[in-house]
Protein backbone atom coordinates (compact mmCIF):
# COMPACT_ATOMS: atom_id res chain seq x y z
CA MET A 1 5.80 11.82 21.48
CA PRO A 2 4.23 9.37 23.94
CA SER A 3 0.78 10.42 23.07
CA PHE A 4 1.66 9.79 19.16
CA TYR A 5 3.21 6.34 19.89
CA ALA A 6 0.01 5.45 22.01
CA ASN A 7 -2.41 6.60 19.51
CA THR A 8 -0.60 4.67 16.77
CA VAL A 9 -0.68 1.46 18.77
CA ASN A 10 -4.28 2.11 19.55
CA GLU A 11 -5.05 2.83 15.77
CA LEU A 12 -3.31 -0.35 14.82
CA ALA A 13 -5.32 -2.08 17.55
CA LYS A 14 -8.59 -0.85 16.10
CA LEU A 15 -7.65 -1.96 12.70
CA LEU A 16 -6.70 -5.45 13.56
CA ALA A 17 -9.94 -5.98 15.65
CA ARG A 18 -11.87 -5.56 12.64
CA ARG A 19 -13.04 -8.74 10.81
CA LYS A 20 -12.50 -7.49 7.40
CA THR A 21 -8.92 -6.63 8.58
CA VAL A 22 -8.47 -10.54 9.35
CA VAL A 23 -9.92 -11.48 6.13
CA PHE A 24 -7.75 -9.33 3.98
CA LEU A 25 -4.45 -10.37 6.10
CA VAL A 26 -5.62 -14.11 5.38
CA LEU A 27 -6.21 -13.25 1.49
CA THR A 28 -2.71 -11.71 1.26
CA ALA A 29 -1.29 -14.74 2.54
CA MET A 30 -3.34 -16.96 0.44
CA ILE A 31 -2.68 -15.27 -3.05
CA PRO A 32 0.67 -16.39 -3.45
CA ILE A 33 -0.01 -20.10 -2.63
CA ALA A 34 -2.99 -20.05 -5.08
CA ALA A 35 -0.31 -18.33 -7.46
CA ALA A 36 2.23 -20.96 -6.98
CA ALA A 37 -0.12 -23.62 -7.41
CA ALA A 38 -1.44 -22.16 -10.56
CA VAL A 39 2.09 -21.96 -11.79
CA SER A 40 3.10 -25.48 -10.90
CA GLN A 41 0.04 -26.96 -12.85
CA PHE A 42 1.10 -24.93 -15.82
CA GLN A 43 4.60 -26.10 -15.77
CA PHE A 44 3.57 -29.57 -15.37
CA GLY A 45 1.11 -29.61 -17.94
CA PHE A 46 3.19 -27.85 -20.62
CA GLY A 47 6.52 -28.90 -19.63
CA VAL A 48 8.02 -25.40 -19.58
CA ALA A 49 8.73 -22.90 -16.76
CA ALA A 50 6.48 -20.21 -16.51
CA LEU A 51 8.16 -17.85 -14.20
CA THR A 52 11.98 -18.11 -12.85
CA SER A 53 12.41 -18.39 -9.22
CA ALA A 54 13.34 -14.66 -9.10
CA ASP A 55 10.44 -13.49 -11.14
CA PHE A 56 7.59 -15.24 -8.94
CA PRO A 57 7.75 -12.74 -6.10
CA VAL A 58 8.44 -9.69 -8.12
CA VAL A 59 5.41 -10.56 -10.36
CA LEU A 60 3.09 -10.78 -7.37
CA LEU A 61 4.52 -7.65 -5.93
CA GLY A 62 3.39 -6.00 -9.05
CA PHE A 63 -0.14 -7.13 -8.43
CA TYR A 64 -0.01 -6.24 -4.93
CA THR A 65 1.15 -2.53 -5.59
CA ALA A 66 -1.01 -1.87 -8.56
CA VAL A 67 -4.39 -3.17 -7.62
CA TYR A 68 -4.58 -4.92 -4.36
CA LEU A 69 -2.91 -2.78 -1.65
CA PRO A 70 -3.97 0.47 -3.12
CA LEU A 71 -7.58 -0.72 -2.64
CA LEU A 72 -6.90 -1.83 0.91
CA LEU A 73 -5.28 1.73 1.83
CA PHE A 74 -8.20 3.48 0.18
CA MET A 75 -10.61 1.54 2.28
CA THR A 76 -8.42 2.05 5.50
CA ALA A 77 -8.28 5.92 4.80
CA SER A 78 -11.79 6.02 4.27
CA ASP A 79 -12.70 4.31 7.50
CA MET A 80 -10.29 6.06 9.31
CA PHE A 81 -11.21 9.74 8.51
CA ALA A 82 -14.67 9.82 6.66
CA GLY A 83 -15.85 6.74 8.46
CA GLU A 84 -15.09 7.78 11.85
CA THR A 85 -16.61 11.18 11.00
CA GLY A 86 -19.82 9.70 9.84
CA ASP A 87 -19.96 7.44 13.05
CA LYS A 88 -19.19 10.29 15.44
CA THR A 89 -16.28 8.45 16.90
CA MET A 90 -13.85 11.00 15.96
CA LYS A 91 -15.02 13.24 18.80
CA LEU A 92 -13.88 10.42 21.19
CA LEU A 93 -10.22 10.56 19.82
CA LEU A 94 -10.23 14.49 20.01
CA THR A 95 -11.28 14.34 23.86
CA ARG A 96 -7.98 12.49 24.59
CA PRO A 97 -4.81 14.38 25.77
CA ILE A 98 -3.34 14.47 22.11
CA THR A 99 -3.00 17.27 19.40
CA ARG A 100 -4.99 17.16 16.46
CA PHE A 101 -1.39 16.89 14.69
CA GLN A 102 -0.53 13.93 16.66
CA ALA A 103 -3.93 12.29 16.12
CA PHE A 104 -3.84 12.88 12.34
CA ALA A 105 -0.05 11.64 12.09
CA SER A 106 -0.73 8.50 14.23
CA LYS A 107 -3.62 7.54 11.90
CA LEU A 108 -1.25 7.65 8.98
CA ALA A 109 1.67 5.94 10.85
CA ALA A 110 -0.70 3.03 11.51
CA MET A 111 -1.98 2.82 7.86
CA LEU A 112 1.76 2.73 7.09
CA GLY A 113 2.25 -0.09 9.34
CA TYR A 114 -0.69 -1.87 8.17
CA ALA A 115 0.71 -1.66 4.60
CA ALA A 116 4.05 -3.06 5.61
CA LEU A 117 2.20 -5.67 7.50
CA HIS A 118 0.74 -6.94 4.25
CA LEU A 119 4.11 -6.57 2.24
CA ALA A 120 5.99 -8.58 5.08
CA ILE A 121 3.16 -11.40 4.70
CA ALA A 122 3.42 -11.41 1.04
CA LEU A 123 7.11 -11.49 0.74
CA ILE A 124 7.53 -14.48 3.49
CA VAL A 125 4.63 -16.68 1.73
CA SER A 126 5.81 -15.83 -1.77
CA LEU A 127 9.11 -16.80 -0.85
CA ALA A 128 7.95 -19.90 0.67
CA SER A 129 5.86 -20.81 -2.28
CA LEU A 130 9.04 -20.92 -4.18
CA LEU A 131 9.67 -24.28 -2.40
CA PHE A 132 6.67 -26.00 -4.54
CA LEU A 133 8.18 -24.48 -7.76
CA SER A 134 11.73 -24.65 -7.65
CA GLY A 135 13.19 -26.18 -4.30
CA VAL A 136 15.08 -24.90 -1.52
CA GLY A 137 17.78 -23.36 -3.42
CA ALA A 138 15.61 -21.04 -5.37
CA VAL A 139 14.74 -19.41 -2.11
CA GLY A 140 18.18 -17.58 -1.82
CA GLN A 141 18.10 -16.54 -5.33
CA GLY A 142 18.01 -12.76 -5.61
CA LEU A 143 16.77 -12.50 -1.91
CA GLY A 144 18.33 -9.33 -1.24
CA ARG A 145 17.25 -7.56 -4.44
CA THR A 146 13.57 -9.18 -4.04
CA ALA A 147 13.49 -7.88 -0.30
CA ALA A 148 14.65 -4.39 -1.15
CA ALA A 149 11.91 -4.23 -3.88
CA TYR A 150 9.23 -5.01 -1.23
CA VAL A 151 10.54 -2.43 1.05
CA THR A 152 10.72 0.53 -1.64
CA SER A 153 7.26 -0.30 -2.73
CA LEU A 154 6.13 1.26 0.58
CA LEU A 155 6.72 4.72 -0.63
CA PRO A 156 4.63 4.72 -3.63
CA LEU A 157 1.93 2.78 -1.63
CA PHE A 158 2.12 5.56 1.38
CA THR A 159 1.70 8.38 -1.18
CA LEU A 160 -1.73 6.89 -2.26
CA GLY A 161 -2.84 6.39 1.20
CA LEU A 162 -2.00 10.16 1.92
CA ALA A 163 -4.06 11.00 -1.17
CA ALA A 164 -6.87 8.92 0.00
CA ALA A 165 -6.83 10.36 3.67
CA PHE A 166 -6.69 13.98 1.79
CA ILE A 167 -9.78 13.11 -0.28
CA ALA A 168 -11.44 11.30 2.82
CA GLN A 169 -11.36 14.96 4.66
CA PHE A 170 -14.26 16.02 2.02
CA PHE A 171 -16.82 13.34 3.11
CA LYS A 172 -18.76 12.30 5.92
CA ASN A 173 -19.15 8.73 5.12
CA GLY A 174 -16.47 6.02 4.17
CA SER A 175 -18.18 4.69 1.34
CA GLY A 176 -18.45 7.93 -0.68
CA ALA A 177 -14.67 8.52 -0.05
CA LEU A 178 -13.91 5.07 -1.12
CA THR A 179 -15.89 5.43 -4.39
CA VAL A 180 -14.24 8.83 -5.37
CA CYS A 181 -10.77 7.34 -4.36
CA ILE A 182 -11.19 4.26 -6.81
CA LEU A 183 -12.59 6.24 -9.47
CA LEU A 184 -9.60 8.90 -9.41
CA TYR A 185 -7.28 6.09 -9.12
CA ALA A 186 -8.63 4.18 -11.92
CA SER A 187 -8.94 7.18 -14.20
CA ALA A 188 -5.25 7.92 -13.42
CA LYS A 189 -4.21 4.37 -14.45
CA LEU A 190 -6.44 4.29 -17.44
CA GLY A 191 -5.12 7.84 -18.57
CA ALA A 192 -1.70 6.87 -18.77
CA TYR A 193 -2.72 4.83 -21.91
CA PHE A 194 -4.36 7.52 -23.65
CA VAL A 195 -2.27 10.63 -22.76
CA PRO A 196 1.17 8.80 -21.66
CA ALA A 197 2.70 12.36 -21.33
CA LEU A 198 0.43 13.11 -18.32
CA ALA A 199 1.10 9.80 -16.57
CA VAL A 200 4.46 10.88 -14.98
CA TYR A 201 2.46 13.83 -12.93
CA THR A 202 0.47 11.35 -11.02
CA PRO A 203 1.69 9.09 -8.08
CA ALA A 204 -0.27 6.25 -9.61
CA ALA A 205 2.08 5.88 -12.39
CA TYR A 206 4.81 4.86 -9.80
CA THR A 207 3.50 1.81 -8.15
CA ASP A 208 6.06 -0.32 -9.94
CA TRP A 209 8.73 2.08 -8.85
CA HIS A 210 10.48 -0.96 -7.23
CA MET A 211 11.38 -2.56 -10.60
CA LEU A 212 14.03 0.27 -10.74
CA TRP A 213 15.72 -1.58 -7.89
CA LEU A 214 15.85 -4.98 -9.92
CA GLY A 215 18.05 -4.30 -12.78
CA ALA A 216 21.75 -5.17 -13.25
CA SER A 217 22.64 -1.52 -12.84
CA VAL A 218 20.65 0.53 -10.47
CA ALA A 219 19.29 3.43 -12.12
CA SER A 220 20.27 5.89 -9.48
CA GLY A 221 19.28 9.22 -11.42
CA LYS A 222 15.83 7.85 -12.29
CA ILE A 223 15.50 6.49 -8.74
CA LEU A 224 16.20 9.97 -7.43
CA ASN A 225 13.84 11.88 -9.56
CA VAL A 226 11.09 9.32 -8.68
CA PHE A 227 11.78 9.67 -5.09
CA MET A 228 11.87 13.55 -5.04
CA PHE A 229 8.38 13.62 -6.65
CA LEU A 230 6.67 10.81 -4.22
CA ALA A 231 8.30 12.92 -1.40
CA ALA A 232 6.82 15.99 -2.90
CA CYS A 233 3.41 14.41 -3.25
CA CYS A 234 3.56 13.17 0.49
CA ILE A 235 4.36 16.65 1.44
CA LEU A 236 1.51 18.14 -0.30
CA PHE A 237 -1.27 15.61 0.75
CA PHE A 238 -0.11 15.61 4.42
CA THR A 239 -0.09 19.18 4.58
CA GLY A 240 -3.39 19.48 2.80
CA GLY A 241 -5.06 16.70 4.71
CA TYR A 242 -3.76 18.06 8.12
CA THR A 243 -4.89 21.59 7.49
CA ILE A 244 -8.41 20.30 6.74
CA PHE A 245 -8.46 18.01 9.73
CA GLU A 246 -7.17 20.78 11.91
CA ARG A 247 -10.01 23.10 11.10
CA LYS A 248 -12.64 20.64 10.56
CA GLN A 249 -15.25 20.75 13.37
CA TYR A 250 -16.46 16.97 14.33
């Protein structure tokens, strides 16, 4: 356990030390500010409220979970696995006093923490941006449900990250793994429009799972079904990814 914790911290430190990571963290914080400014101008120009105070953070979360964060997770998984394989730096990790299972799991834990950091920044900045749209009183309106939506959105995002980590095991460079991940994700998203019946069998169809937590009455049965499906996908992708990682020669 100490080795797992130490390597998780090390993987997070490596992530945060990259210049592009800092750029994306700043971009995550800038998106709500830019969106609030655009909505404010729209409301001022047309004299109507484009979004209610409760809608603004949720609309932004929909963008983060459907487009922005999946791309970041694909990039992160590709760099952590395929990228380090191509750079020959994976050998350095495996020479440390840590098992391959701990090495693999700690990378995934760091990726989960990275996604959680982006969501935390997005939530804080989007709530702060409400001050410019609706005033101080709007910040506390529906705060509990909004925070719950941001927290629960981690599960489908982590599932996509695990899928990307599994796919990355088949590549020796990060760019190839990233390209395939994006193409598969885009195909799954677009396929839902042409074959709706097949959409329920892909994790990409549940990036808006957080919306189930925002209704007047929580659909507990639907939430449980989606949770079980995503949990099963996590187990499959983790098992498949670790099996390849454990047998792979670096």
